[in-house]
Amino acid sequence: ITTHLVRDEGEVRSWDLPTGLQQRYVSPL
């Protein structure tokens, strides 16, 4: 059995959202 998640286009997943640390960090680039 091989598992695959099938997503709708434009679907936002909770695990794809940036964490609080990632939201505060700003790169010079």
mmCIF file of all heavy atoms, coordinates in Angstrom:
data_MODEL
# 
_entry.id   MODEL 
# 
loop_
_atom_site.group_PDB 
_atom_site.id 
_atom_site.type_symbol 
_atom_site.label_atom_id 
_atom_site.label_alt_id 
_atom_site.label_comp_id 
_atom_site.label_asym_id 
_atom_site.label_entity_id 
_atom_site.label_seq_id 
_atom_site.pdbx_PDB_ins_code 
_atom_site.Cartn_x 
_atom_site.Cartn_y 
_atom_site.Cartn_z 
_atom_site.occupancy 
_atom_site.B_iso_or_equiv 
_atom_site.pdbx_formal_charge 
_atom_site.auth_seq_id 
_atom_site.auth_comp_id 
_atom_site.auth_asym_id 
_atom_site.auth_atom_id 
_atom_site.pdbx_PDB_model_num 
ATOM 1   N N   . ILE A 1 1  ? 0.858   -1.184 0.000   1.00 0.00 ? 1  ILE A N   1 
ATOM 2   C CA  . ILE A 1 1  ? 0.000   0.000  0.000   1.00 0.00 ? 1  ILE A CA  1 
ATOM 3   C C   . ILE A 1 1  ? 0.895   1.235  0.000   1.00 0.00 ? 1  ILE A C   1 
ATOM 4   O O   . ILE A 1 1  ? 1.751   1.388  0.876   1.00 0.00 ? 1  ILE A O   1 
ATOM 5   C CB  . ILE A 1 1  ? -0.907  0.030  1.251   1.00 0.00 ? 1  ILE A CB  1 
ATOM 6   C CG1 . ILE A 1 1  ? -1.753  -1.231 1.316   1.00 0.00 ? 1  ILE A CG1 1 
ATOM 7   C CG2 . ILE A 1 1  ? -1.773  1.267  1.267   1.00 0.00 ? 1  ILE A CG2 1 
ATOM 8   C CD1 . ILE A 1 1  ? -2.408  -1.442 2.653   1.00 0.00 ? 1  ILE A CD1 1 
ATOM 9   N N   . THR A 1 2  ? 0.716   2.112  -0.984  1.00 0.00 ? 2  THR A N   1 
ATOM 10  C CA  . THR A 1 2  ? 1.434   3.381  -1.035  1.00 0.00 ? 2  THR A CA  1 
ATOM 11  C C   . THR A 1 2  ? 0.424   4.497  -0.795  1.00 0.00 ? 2  THR A C   1 
ATOM 12  O O   . THR A 1 2  ? -0.595  4.571  -1.477  1.00 0.00 ? 2  THR A O   1 
ATOM 13  C CB  . THR A 1 2  ? 2.130   3.573  -2.400  1.00 0.00 ? 2  THR A CB  1 
ATOM 14  O OG1 . THR A 1 2  ? 3.025   2.476  -2.608  1.00 0.00 ? 2  THR A OG1 1 
ATOM 15  C CG2 . THR A 1 2  ? 2.912   4.868  -2.421  1.00 0.00 ? 2  THR A CG2 1 
ATOM 16  N N   . THR A 1 3  ? 0.730   5.354  0.182   1.00 0.00 ? 3  THR A N   1 
ATOM 17  C CA  . THR A 1 3  ? -0.209  6.411  0.563   1.00 0.00 ? 3  THR A CA  1 
ATOM 18  C C   . THR A 1 3  ? 0.116   7.715  -0.153  1.00 0.00 ? 3  THR A C   1 
ATOM 19  O O   . THR A 1 3  ? 1.284   8.024  -0.403  1.00 0.00 ? 3  THR A O   1 
ATOM 20  C CB  . THR A 1 3  ? -0.140  6.656  2.083   1.00 0.00 ? 3  THR A CB  1 
ATOM 21  O OG1 . THR A 1 3  ? 1.191   7.034  2.425   1.00 0.00 ? 3  THR A OG1 1 
ATOM 22  C CG2 . THR A 1 3  ? -0.522  5.420  2.854   1.00 0.00 ? 3  THR A CG2 1 
ATOM 23  N N   . HIS A 1 4  ? -0.924  8.457  -0.504  1.00 0.00 ? 4  HIS A N   1 
ATOM 24  C CA  . HIS A 1 4  ? -0.779  9.781  -1.111  1.00 0.00 ? 4  HIS A CA  1 
ATOM 25  C C   . HIS A 1 4  ? -1.904  10.677 -0.603  1.00 0.00 ? 4  HIS A C   1 
ATOM 26  O O   . HIS A 1 4  ? -3.059  10.252 -0.586  1.00 0.00 ? 4  HIS A O   1 
ATOM 27  C CB  . HIS A 1 4  ? -0.857  9.718  -2.640  1.00 0.00 ? 4  HIS A CB  1 
ATOM 28  C CG  . HIS A 1 4  ? 0.298   9.015  -3.267  1.00 0.00 ? 4  HIS A CG  1 
ATOM 29  N ND1 . HIS A 1 4  ? 1.546   9.589  -3.376  1.00 0.00 ? 4  HIS A ND1 1 
ATOM 30  C CD2 . HIS A 1 4  ? 0.405   7.782  -3.806  1.00 0.00 ? 4  HIS A CD2 1 
ATOM 31  C CE1 . HIS A 1 4  ? 2.356   8.733  -3.959  1.00 0.00 ? 4  HIS A CE1 1 
ATOM 32  N NE2 . HIS A 1 4  ? 1.694   7.631  -4.231  1.00 0.00 ? 4  HIS A NE2 1 
ATOM 33  N N   . LEU A 1 5  ? -1.560  11.892 -0.240  1.00 0.00 ? 5  LEU A N   1 
ATOM 34  C CA  . LEU A 1 5  ? -2.575  12.879 0.107   1.00 0.00 ? 5  LEU A CA  1 
ATOM 35  C C   . LEU A 1 5  ? -3.000  13.568 -1.186  1.00 0.00 ? 5  LEU A C   1 
ATOM 36  O O   . LEU A 1 5  ? -2.156  14.031 -1.956  1.00 0.00 ? 5  LEU A O   1 
ATOM 37  C CB  . LEU A 1 5  ? -2.018  13.934 1.065   1.00 0.00 ? 5  LEU A CB  1 
ATOM 38  C CG  . LEU A 1 5  ? -1.909  13.534 2.527   1.00 0.00 ? 5  LEU A CG  1 
ATOM 39  C CD1 . LEU A 1 5  ? -1.244  14.641 3.323   1.00 0.00 ? 5  LEU A CD1 1 
ATOM 40  C CD2 . LEU A 1 5  ? -3.264  13.216 3.102   1.00 0.00 ? 5  LEU A CD2 1 
ATOM 41  N N   . VAL A 1 6  ? -4.283  13.634 -1.418  1.00 0.00 ? 6  VAL A N   1 
ATOM 42  C CA  . VAL A 1 6  ? -4.810  14.309 -2.595  1.00 0.00 ? 6  VAL A CA  1 
ATOM 43  C C   . VAL A 1 6  ? -5.445  15.596 -2.110  1.00 0.00 ? 6  VAL A C   1 
ATOM 44  O O   . VAL A 1 6  ? -6.333  15.585 -1.263  1.00 0.00 ? 6  VAL A O   1 
ATOM 45  C CB  . VAL A 1 6  ? -5.856  13.427 -3.324  1.00 0.00 ? 6  VAL A CB  1 
ATOM 46  C CG1 . VAL A 1 6  ? -6.408  14.152 -4.529  1.00 0.00 ? 6  VAL A CG1 1 
ATOM 47  C CG2 . VAL A 1 6  ? -5.232  12.094 -3.714  1.00 0.00 ? 6  VAL A CG2 1 
ATOM 48  N N   . ARG A 1 7  ? -4.982  16.729 -2.663  1.00 0.00 ? 7  ARG A N   1 
ATOM 49  C CA  . ARG A 1 7  ? -5.452  18.035 -2.197  1.00 0.00 ? 7  ARG A CA  1 
ATOM 50  C C   . ARG A 1 7  ? -6.198  18.747 -3.314  1.00 0.00 ? 7  ARG A C   1 
ATOM 51  O O   . ARG A 1 7  ? -5.882  18.593 -4.488  1.00 0.00 ? 7  ARG A O   1 
ATOM 52  C CB  . ARG A 1 7  ? -4.271  18.887 -1.762  1.00 0.00 ? 7  ARG A CB  1 
ATOM 53  C CG  . ARG A 1 7  ? -3.516  18.288 -0.597  1.00 0.00 ? 7  ARG A CG  1 
ATOM 54  C CD  . ARG A 1 7  ? -2.279  19.130 -0.299  1.00 0.00 ? 7  ARG A CD  1 
ATOM 55  N NE  . ARG A 1 7  ? -1.491  18.522 0.731   1.00 0.00 ? 7  ARG A NE  1 
ATOM 56  C CZ  . ARG A 1 7  ? -0.500  17.657 0.521   1.00 0.00 ? 7  ARG A CZ  1 
ATOM 57  N NH1 . ARG A 1 7  ? -0.194  17.277 -0.678  1.00 0.00 ? 7  ARG A NH1 1 
ATOM 58  N NH2 . ARG A 1 7  ? 0.163   17.155 1.532   1.00 0.00 ? 7  ARG A NH2 1 
ATOM 59  N N   . ASP A 1 8  ? -7.148  19.578 -2.913  1.00 0.00 ? 8  ASP A N   1 
ATOM 60  C CA  . ASP A 1 8  ? -7.815  20.459 -3.865  1.00 0.00 ? 8  ASP A CA  1 
ATOM 61  C C   . ASP A 1 8  ? -6.871  21.611 -4.176  1.00 0.00 ? 8  ASP A C   1 
ATOM 62  O O   . ASP A 1 8  ? -6.044  22.002 -3.347  1.00 0.00 ? 8  ASP A O   1 
ATOM 63  C CB  . ASP A 1 8  ? -9.116  21.014 -3.272  1.00 0.00 ? 8  ASP A CB  1 
ATOM 64  C CG  . ASP A 1 8  ? -10.156 19.930 -3.064  1.00 0.00 ? 8  ASP A CG  1 
ATOM 65  O OD1 . ASP A 1 8  ? -10.093 18.930 -3.795  1.00 0.00 ? 8  ASP A OD1 1 
ATOM 66  O OD2 . ASP A 1 8  ? -11.008 20.090 -2.177  1.00 0.00 ? 8  ASP A OD2 1 
ATOM 67  N N   . GLU A 1 9  ? -6.995  22.210 -5.366  1.00 0.00 ? 9  GLU A N   1 
ATOM 68  C CA  . GLU A 1 9  ? -6.165  23.361 -5.715  1.00 0.00 ? 9  GLU A CA  1 
ATOM 69  C C   . GLU A 1 9  ? -6.488  24.521 -4.781  1.00 0.00 ? 9  GLU A C   1 
ATOM 70  O O   . GLU A 1 9  ? -7.642  24.796 -4.474  1.00 0.00 ? 9  GLU A O   1 
ATOM 71  C CB  . GLU A 1 9  ? -6.426  23.783 -7.159  1.00 0.00 ? 9  GLU A CB  1 
ATOM 72  C CG  . GLU A 1 9  ? -5.720  22.905 -8.159  1.00 0.00 ? 9  GLU A CG  1 
ATOM 73  C CD  . GLU A 1 9  ? -5.807  23.478 -9.557  1.00 0.00 ? 9  GLU A CD  1 
ATOM 74  O OE1 . GLU A 1 9  ? -5.744  24.714 -9.712  1.00 0.00 ? 9  GLU A OE1 1 
ATOM 75  O OE2 . GLU A 1 9  ? -5.954  22.677 -10.485 1.00 0.00 ? 9  GLU A OE2 1 
ATOM 76  N N   . GLY A 1 10 ? -5.464  25.203 -4.324  1.00 0.00 ? 10 GLY A N   1 
ATOM 77  C CA  . GLY A 1 10 ? -5.654  26.366 -3.463  1.00 0.00 ? 10 GLY A CA  1 
ATOM 78  C C   . GLY A 1 10 ? -5.960  26.011 -2.018  1.00 0.00 ? 10 GLY A C   1 
ATOM 79  O O   . GLY A 1 10 ? -6.204  26.892 -1.210  1.00 0.00 ? 10 GLY A O   1 
ATOM 80  N N   . GLU A 1 11 ? -5.979  24.742 -1.683  1.00 0.00 ? 11 GLU A N   1 
ATOM 81  C CA  . GLU A 1 11 ? -6.282  24.333 -0.316  1.00 0.00 ? 11 GLU A CA  1 
ATOM 82  C C   . GLU A 1 11 ? -5.112  24.711 0.589   1.00 0.00 ? 11 GLU A C   1 
ATOM 83  O O   . GLU A 1 11 ? -3.958  24.465 0.277   1.00 0.00 ? 11 GLU A O   1 
ATOM 84  C CB  . GLU A 1 11 ? -6.504  22.818 -0.270  1.00 0.00 ? 11 GLU A CB  1 
ATOM 85  C CG  . GLU A 1 11 ? -6.714  22.267 1.107   1.00 0.00 ? 11 GLU A CG  1 
ATOM 86  C CD  . GLU A 1 11 ? -6.806  20.743 1.106   1.00 0.00 ? 11 GLU A CD  1 
ATOM 87  O OE1 . GLU A 1 11 ? -6.717  20.125 0.042   1.00 0.00 ? 11 GLU A OE1 1 
ATOM 88  O OE2 . GLU A 1 11 ? -6.967  20.199 2.200   1.00 0.00 ? 11 GLU A OE2 1 
ATOM 89  N N   . VAL A 1 12 ? -5.429  25.337 1.699   1.00 0.00 ? 12 VAL A N   1 
ATOM 90  C CA  . VAL A 1 12 ? -4.409  25.714 2.671   1.00 0.00 ? 12 VAL A CA  1 
ATOM 91  C C   . VAL A 1 12 ? -4.419  24.656 3.765   1.00 0.00 ? 12 VAL A C   1 
ATOM 92  O O   . VAL A 1 12 ? -5.458  24.358 4.349   1.00 0.00 ? 12 VAL A O   1 
ATOM 93  C CB  . VAL A 1 12 ? -4.690  27.116 3.267   1.00 0.00 ? 12 VAL A CB  1 
ATOM 94  C CG1 . VAL A 1 12 ? -3.648  27.463 4.323   1.00 0.00 ? 12 VAL A CG1 1 
ATOM 95  C CG2 . VAL A 1 12 ? -4.709  28.148 2.161   1.00 0.00 ? 12 VAL A CG2 1 
ATOM 96  N N   . ARG A 1 13 ? -3.260  24.101 4.020   1.00 0.00 ? 13 ARG A N   1 
ATOM 97  C CA  . ARG A 1 13 ? -3.142  23.067 5.047   1.00 0.00 ? 13 ARG A CA  1 
ATOM 98  C C   . ARG A 1 13 ? -2.503  23.674 6.278   1.00 0.00 ? 13 ARG A C   1 
ATOM 99  O O   . ARG A 1 13 ? -1.598  24.504 6.164   1.00 0.00 ? 13 ARG A O   1 
ATOM 100 C CB  . ARG A 1 13 ? -2.297  21.912 4.524   1.00 0.00 ? 13 ARG A CB  1 
ATOM 101 C CG  . ARG A 1 13 ? -2.867  21.320 3.246   1.00 0.00 ? 13 ARG A CG  1 
ATOM 102 C CD  . ARG A 1 13 ? -1.866  20.413 2.633   1.00 0.00 ? 13 ARG A CD  1 
ATOM 103 N NE  . ARG A 1 13 ? -0.629  21.165 2.407   1.00 0.00 ? 13 ARG A NE  1 
ATOM 104 C CZ  . ARG A 1 13 ? 0.157   20.993 1.360   1.00 0.00 ? 13 ARG A CZ  1 
ATOM 105 N NH1 . ARG A 1 13 ? -0.132  20.115 0.461   1.00 0.00 ? 13 ARG A NH1 1 
ATOM 106 N NH2 . ARG A 1 13 ? 1.268   21.685 1.232   1.00 0.00 ? 13 ARG A NH2 1 
ATOM 107 N N   . SER A 1 14 ? -2.915  23.247 7.428   1.00 0.00 ? 14 SER A N   1 
ATOM 108 C CA  . SER A 1 14 ? -2.399  23.822 8.676   1.00 0.00 ? 14 SER A CA  1 
ATOM 109 C C   . SER A 1 14 ? -0.906  23.568 8.817   1.00 0.00 ? 14 SER A C   1 
ATOM 110 O O   . SER A 1 14 ? -0.194  24.392 9.379   1.00 0.00 ? 14 SER A O   1 
ATOM 111 C CB  . SER A 1 14 ? -3.156  23.247 9.876   1.00 0.00 ? 14 SER A CB  1 
ATOM 112 O OG  . SER A 1 14 ? -2.969  21.854 9.941   1.00 0.00 ? 14 SER A OG  1 
ATOM 113 N N   . TRP A 1 15 ? -0.382  22.473 8.298   1.00 0.00 ? 15 TRP A N   1 
ATOM 114 C CA  . TRP A 1 15 ? 1.028   22.184 8.449   1.00 0.00 ? 15 TRP A CA  1 
ATOM 115 C C   . TRP A 1 15 ? 1.885   22.958 7.437   1.00 0.00 ? 15 TRP A C   1 
ATOM 116 O O   . TRP A 1 15 ? 3.093   22.978 7.529   1.00 0.00 ? 15 TRP A O   1 
ATOM 117 C CB  . TRP A 1 15 ? 1.313   20.689 8.370   1.00 0.00 ? 15 TRP A CB  1 
ATOM 118 C CG  . TRP A 1 15 ? 0.883   20.036 7.101   1.00 0.00 ? 15 TRP A CG  1 
ATOM 119 C CD1 . TRP A 1 15 ? 1.590   19.910 5.949   1.00 0.00 ? 15 TRP A CD1 1 
ATOM 120 C CD2 . TRP A 1 15 ? -0.365  19.413 6.843   1.00 0.00 ? 15 TRP A CD2 1 
ATOM 121 N NE1 . TRP A 1 15 ? 0.872   19.261 4.996   1.00 0.00 ? 15 TRP A NE1 1 
ATOM 122 C CE2 . TRP A 1 15 ? -0.351  18.929 5.517   1.00 0.00 ? 15 TRP A CE2 1 
ATOM 123 C CE3 . TRP A 1 15 ? -1.515  19.212 7.598   1.00 0.00 ? 15 TRP A CE3 1 
ATOM 124 C CZ2 . TRP A 1 15 ? -1.421  18.269 4.942   1.00 0.00 ? 15 TRP A CZ2 1 
ATOM 125 C CZ3 . TRP A 1 15 ? -2.574  18.543 7.019   1.00 0.00 ? 15 TRP A CZ3 1 
ATOM 126 C CH2 . TRP A 1 15 ? -2.519  18.083 5.704   1.00 0.00 ? 15 TRP A CH2 1 
ATOM 127 N N   . ASP A 1 16 ? 1.245   23.610 6.441   1.00 0.00 ? 16 ASP A N   1 
ATOM 128 C CA  . ASP A 1 16 ? 1.981   24.436 5.493   1.00 0.00 ? 16 ASP A CA  1 
ATOM 129 C C   . ASP A 1 16 ? 2.122   25.879 5.972   1.00 0.00 ? 16 ASP A C   1 
ATOM 130 O O   . ASP A 1 16 ? 2.885   26.653 5.406   1.00 0.00 ? 16 ASP A O   1 
ATOM 131 C CB  . ASP A 1 16 ? 1.280   24.447 4.129   1.00 0.00 ? 16 ASP A CB  1 
ATOM 132 C CG  . ASP A 1 16 ? 1.461   23.133 3.381   1.00 0.00 ? 16 ASP A CG  1 
ATOM 133 O OD1 . ASP A 1 16 ? 2.387   22.376 3.732   1.00 0.00 ? 16 ASP A OD1 1 
ATOM 134 O OD2 . ASP A 1 16 ? 0.672   22.876 2.459   1.00 0.00 ? 16 ASP A OD2 1 
ATOM 135 N N   . LEU A 1 17 ? 1.367   26.295 6.985   1.00 0.00 ? 17 LEU A N   1 
ATOM 136 C CA  . LEU A 1 17 ? 1.424   27.665 7.478   1.00 0.00 ? 17 LEU A CA  1 
ATOM 137 C C   . LEU A 1 17 ? 2.730   27.876 8.234   1.00 0.00 ? 17 LEU A C   1 
ATOM 138 O O   . LEU A 1 17 ? 3.208   26.979 8.937   1.00 0.00 ? 17 LEU A O   1 
ATOM 139 C CB  . LEU A 1 17 ? 0.233   27.950 8.400   1.00 0.00 ? 17 LEU A CB  1 
ATOM 140 C CG  . LEU A 1 17 ? -1.143  27.910 7.730   1.00 0.00 ? 17 LEU A CG  1 
ATOM 141 C CD1 . LEU A 1 17 ? -2.224  28.101 8.779   1.00 0.00 ? 17 LEU A CD1 1 
ATOM 142 C CD2 . LEU A 1 17 ? -1.250  28.982 6.652   1.00 0.00 ? 17 LEU A CD2 1 
ATOM 143 N N   . PRO A 1 18 ? 3.317   29.042 8.124   1.00 0.00 ? 18 PRO A N   1 
ATOM 144 C CA  . PRO A 1 18 ? 4.576   29.295 8.831   1.00 0.00 ? 18 PRO A CA  1 
ATOM 145 C C   . PRO A 1 18 ? 4.349   29.347 10.335  1.00 0.00 ? 18 PRO A C   1 
ATOM 146 O O   . PRO A 1 18 ? 3.301   29.774 10.801  1.00 0.00 ? 18 PRO A O   1 
ATOM 147 C CB  . PRO A 1 18 ? 5.047   30.641 8.287   1.00 0.00 ? 18 PRO A CB  1 
ATOM 148 C CG  . PRO A 1 18 ? 3.840   31.260 7.673   1.00 0.00 ? 18 PRO A CG  1 
ATOM 149 C CD  . PRO A 1 18 ? 2.905   30.156 7.305   1.00 0.00 ? 18 PRO A CD  1 
ATOM 150 N N   . THR A 1 19 ? 5.352   28.896 11.055  1.00 0.00 ? 19 THR A N   1 
ATOM 151 C CA  . THR A 1 19 ? 5.281   28.966 12.516  1.00 0.00 ? 19 THR A CA  1 
ATOM 152 C C   . THR A 1 19 ? 5.522   30.401 12.955  1.00 0.00 ? 19 THR A C   1 
ATOM 153 O O   . THR A 1 19 ? 5.920   31.257 12.158  1.00 0.00 ? 19 THR A O   1 
ATOM 154 C CB  . THR A 1 19 ? 6.345   28.047 13.148  1.00 0.00 ? 19 THR A CB  1 
ATOM 155 O OG1 . THR A 1 19 ? 7.637   28.556 12.784  1.00 0.00 ? 19 THR A OG1 1 
ATOM 156 C CG2 . THR A 1 19 ? 6.193   26.619 12.690  1.00 0.00 ? 19 THR A CG2 1 
ATOM 157 N N   . GLY A 1 20 ? 5.319   30.689 14.243  1.00 0.00 ? 20 GLY A N   1 
ATOM 158 C CA  . GLY A 1 20 ? 5.535   32.030 14.767  1.00 0.00 ? 20 GLY A CA  1 
ATOM 159 C C   . GLY A 1 20 ? 6.954   32.503 14.535  1.00 0.00 ? 20 GLY A C   1 
ATOM 160 O O   . GLY A 1 20 ? 7.205   33.660 14.195  1.00 0.00 ? 20 GLY A O   1 
ATOM 161 N N   . LEU A 1 21 ? 7.945   31.638 14.699  1.00 0.00 ? 21 LEU A N   1 
ATOM 162 C CA  . LEU A 1 21 ? 9.335   32.000 14.488  1.00 0.00 ? 21 LEU A CA  1 
ATOM 163 C C   . LEU A 1 21 ? 9.581   32.337 13.018  1.00 0.00 ? 21 LEU A C   1 
ATOM 164 O O   . LEU A 1 21 ? 10.258  33.311 12.704  1.00 0.00 ? 21 LEU A O   1 
ATOM 165 C CB  . LEU A 1 21 ? 10.249  30.858 14.940  1.00 0.00 ? 21 LEU A CB  1 
ATOM 166 C CG  . LEU A 1 21 ? 11.748  31.099 14.771  1.00 0.00 ? 21 LEU A CG  1 
ATOM 167 C CD1 . LEU A 1 21 ? 12.188  32.295 15.631  1.00 0.00 ? 21 LEU A CD1 1 
ATOM 168 C CD2 . LEU A 1 21 ? 12.528  29.859 15.148  1.00 0.00 ? 21 LEU A CD2 1 
ATOM 169 N N   . GLN A 1 22 ? 9.002   31.558 12.122  1.00 0.00 ? 22 GLN A N   1 
ATOM 170 C CA  . GLN A 1 22 ? 9.185   31.813 10.694  1.00 0.00 ? 22 GLN A CA  1 
ATOM 171 C C   . GLN A 1 22 ? 8.513   33.127 10.288  1.00 0.00 ? 22 GLN A C   1 
ATOM 172 O O   . GLN A 1 22 ? 8.992   33.831 9.409   1.00 0.00 ? 22 GLN A O   1 
ATOM 173 C CB  . GLN A 1 22 ? 8.616   30.667 9.865   1.00 0.00 ? 22 GLN A CB  1 
ATOM 174 C CG  . GLN A 1 22 ? 9.412   29.385 9.990   1.00 0.00 ? 22 GLN A CG  1 
ATOM 175 C CD  . GLN A 1 22 ? 8.681   28.219 9.340   1.00 0.00 ? 22 GLN A CD  1 
ATOM 176 O OE1 . GLN A 1 22 ? 7.459   28.213 9.257   1.00 0.00 ? 22 GLN A OE1 1 
ATOM 177 N NE2 . GLN A 1 22 ? 9.442   27.234 8.894   1.00 0.00 ? 22 GLN A NE2 1 
ATOM 178 N N   . GLN A 1 23 ? 7.412   33.498 10.911  1.00 0.00 ? 23 GLN A N   1 
ATOM 179 C CA  . GLN A 1 23 ? 6.719   34.730 10.570  1.00 0.00 ? 23 GLN A CA  1 
ATOM 180 C C   . GLN A 1 23 ? 7.522   35.959 10.988  1.00 0.00 ? 23 GLN A C   1 
ATOM 181 O O   . GLN A 1 23 ? 7.487   36.994 10.332  1.00 0.00 ? 23 GLN A O   1 
ATOM 182 C CB  . GLN A 1 23 ? 5.333   34.762 11.235  1.00 0.00 ? 23 GLN A CB  1 
ATOM 183 C CG  . GLN A 1 23 ? 4.359   33.793 10.642  1.00 0.00 ? 23 GLN A CG  1 
ATOM 184 C CD  . GLN A 1 23 ? 3.056   33.750 11.436  1.00 0.00 ? 23 GLN A CD  1 
ATOM 185 O OE1 . GLN A 1 23 ? 2.919   34.357 12.488  1.00 0.00 ? 23 GLN A OE1 1 
ATOM 186 N NE2 . GLN A 1 23 ? 2.094   33.006 10.919  1.00 0.00 ? 23 GLN A NE2 1 
ATOM 187 N N   . ARG A 1 24 ? 8.261   35.880 12.100  1.00 0.00 ? 24 ARG A N   1 
ATOM 188 C CA  . ARG A 1 24 ? 9.022   37.031 12.610  1.00 0.00 ? 24 ARG A CA  1 
ATOM 189 C C   . ARG A 1 24 ? 10.353  37.209 11.897  1.00 0.00 ? 24 ARG A C   1 
ATOM 190 O O   . ARG A 1 24 ? 10.900  38.286 11.855  1.00 0.00 ? 24 ARG A O   1 
ATOM 191 C CB  . ARG A 1 24 ? 9.270   36.859 14.102  1.00 0.00 ? 24 ARG A CB  1 
ATOM 192 C CG  . ARG A 1 24 ? 8.033   37.141 14.938  1.00 0.00 ? 24 ARG A CG  1 
ATOM 193 C CD  . ARG A 1 24 ? 8.421   37.126 16.375  1.00 0.00 ? 24 ARG A CD  1 
ATOM 194 N NE  . ARG A 1 24 ? 9.034   35.814 16.637  1.00 0.00 ? 24 ARG A NE  1 
ATOM 195 C CZ  . ARG A 1 24 ? 8.673   35.013 17.619  1.00 0.00 ? 24 ARG A CZ  1 
ATOM 196 N NH1 . ARG A 1 24 ? 7.765   35.376 18.461  1.00 0.00 ? 24 ARG A NH1 1 
ATOM 197 N NH2 . ARG A 1 24 ? 9.240   33.854 17.783  1.00 0.00 ? 24 ARG A NH2 1 
ATOM 198 N N   . TYR A 1 25 ? 10.903  36.134 11.358  1.00 0.00 ? 25 TYR A N   1 
ATOM 199 C CA  . TYR A 1 25 ? 12.227  36.222 10.749  1.00 0.00 ? 25 TYR A CA  1 
ATOM 200 C C   . TYR A 1 25 ? 12.136  36.887 9.383   1.00 0.00 ? 25 TYR A C   1 
ATOM 201 O O   . TYR A 1 25 ? 11.358  36.486 8.524   1.00 0.00 ? 25 TYR A O   1 
ATOM 202 C CB  . TYR A 1 25 ? 12.846  34.824 10.625  1.00 0.00 ? 25 TYR A CB  1 
ATOM 203 C CG  . TYR A 1 25 ? 14.230  34.861 10.014  1.00 0.00 ? 25 TYR A CG  1 
ATOM 204 C CD1 . TYR A 1 25 ? 15.314  35.319 10.764  1.00 0.00 ? 25 TYR A CD1 1 
ATOM 205 C CD2 . TYR A 1 25 ? 14.428  34.498 8.698   1.00 0.00 ? 25 TYR A CD2 1 
ATOM 206 C CE1 . TYR A 1 25 ? 16.575  35.371 10.209  1.00 0.00 ? 25 TYR A CE1 1 
ATOM 207 C CE2 . TYR A 1 25 ? 15.689  34.555 8.144   1.00 0.00 ? 25 TYR A CE2 1 
ATOM 208 C CZ  . TYR A 1 25 ? 16.760  34.991 8.903   1.00 0.00 ? 25 TYR A CZ  1 
ATOM 209 O OH  . TYR A 1 25 ? 18.003  35.051 8.355   1.00 0.00 ? 25 TYR A OH  1 
ATOM 210 N N   . VAL A 1 26 ? 12.932  37.896 9.173   1.00 0.00 ? 26 VAL A N   1 
ATOM 211 C CA  . VAL A 1 26 ? 12.977  38.592 7.891   1.00 0.00 ? 26 VAL A CA  1 
ATOM 212 C C   . VAL A 1 26 ? 14.413  38.537 7.397   1.00 0.00 ? 26 VAL A C   1 
ATOM 213 O O   . VAL A 1 26 ? 15.336  38.923 8.097   1.00 0.00 ? 26 VAL A O   1 
ATOM 214 C CB  . VAL A 1 26 ? 12.523  40.070 8.039   1.00 0.00 ? 26 VAL A CB  1 
ATOM 215 C CG1 . VAL A 1 26 ? 12.638  40.798 6.717   1.00 0.00 ? 26 VAL A CG1 1 
ATOM 216 C CG2 . VAL A 1 26 ? 11.119  40.121 8.577   1.00 0.00 ? 26 VAL A CG2 1 
ATOM 217 N N   . SER A 1 27 ? 14.560  38.037 6.206   1.00 0.00 ? 27 SER A N   1 
ATOM 218 C CA  . SER A 1 27 ? 15.884  37.928 5.609   1.00 0.00 ? 27 SER A CA  1 
ATOM 219 C C   . SER A 1 27 ? 16.240  39.244 4.932   1.00 0.00 ? 27 SER A C   1 
ATOM 220 O O   . SER A 1 27 ? 15.365  39.918 4.371   1.00 0.00 ? 27 SER A O   1 
ATOM 221 C CB  . SER A 1 27 ? 15.875  36.790 4.584   1.00 0.00 ? 27 SER A CB  1 
ATOM 222 O OG  . SER A 1 27 ? 17.019  36.861 3.771   1.00 0.00 ? 27 SER A OG  1 
ATOM 223 N N   . PRO A 1 28 ? 17.498  39.619 4.923   1.00 0.00 ? 28 PRO A N   1 
ATOM 224 C CA  . PRO A 1 28 ? 17.898  40.829 4.196   1.00 0.00 ? 28 PRO A CA  1 
ATOM 225 C C   . PRO A 1 28 ? 17.586  40.728 2.707   1.00 0.00 ? 28 PRO A C   1 
ATOM 226 O O   . PRO A 1 28 ? 17.397  41.731 2.034   1.00 0.00 ? 28 PRO A O   1 
ATOM 227 C CB  . PRO A 1 28 ? 19.410  40.918 4.422   1.00 0.00 ? 28 PRO A CB  1 
ATOM 228 C CG  . PRO A 1 28 ? 19.699  40.042 5.574   1.00 0.00 ? 28 PRO A CG  1 
ATOM 229 C CD  . PRO A 1 28 ? 18.600  39.040 5.655   1.00 0.00 ? 28 PRO A CD  1 
ATOM 230 N N   . LEU A 1 29 ? 17.503  39.543 2.173   1.00 0.00 ? 29 LEU A N   1 
ATOM 231 C CA  . LEU A 1 29 ? 17.220  39.369 0.753   1.00 0.00 ? 29 LEU A CA  1 
ATOM 232 C C   . LEU A 1 29 ? 15.738  39.511 0.434   1.00 0.00 ? 29 LEU A C   1 
ATOM 233 O O   . LEU A 1 29 ? 15.365  39.617 -0.721  1.00 0.00 ? 29 LEU A O   1 
ATOM 234 C CB  . LEU A 1 29 ? 17.724  38.002 0.276   1.00 0.00 ? 29 LEU A CB  1 
ATOM 235 C CG  . LEU A 1 29 ? 19.234  37.786 0.370   1.00 0.00 ? 29 LEU A CG  1 
ATOM 236 C CD1 . LEU A 1 29 ? 19.592  36.376 -0.057  1.00 0.00 ? 29 LEU A CD1 1 
ATOM 237 C CD2 . LEU A 1 29 ? 19.973  38.798 -0.496  1.00 0.00 ? 29 LEU A CD2 1 
# 
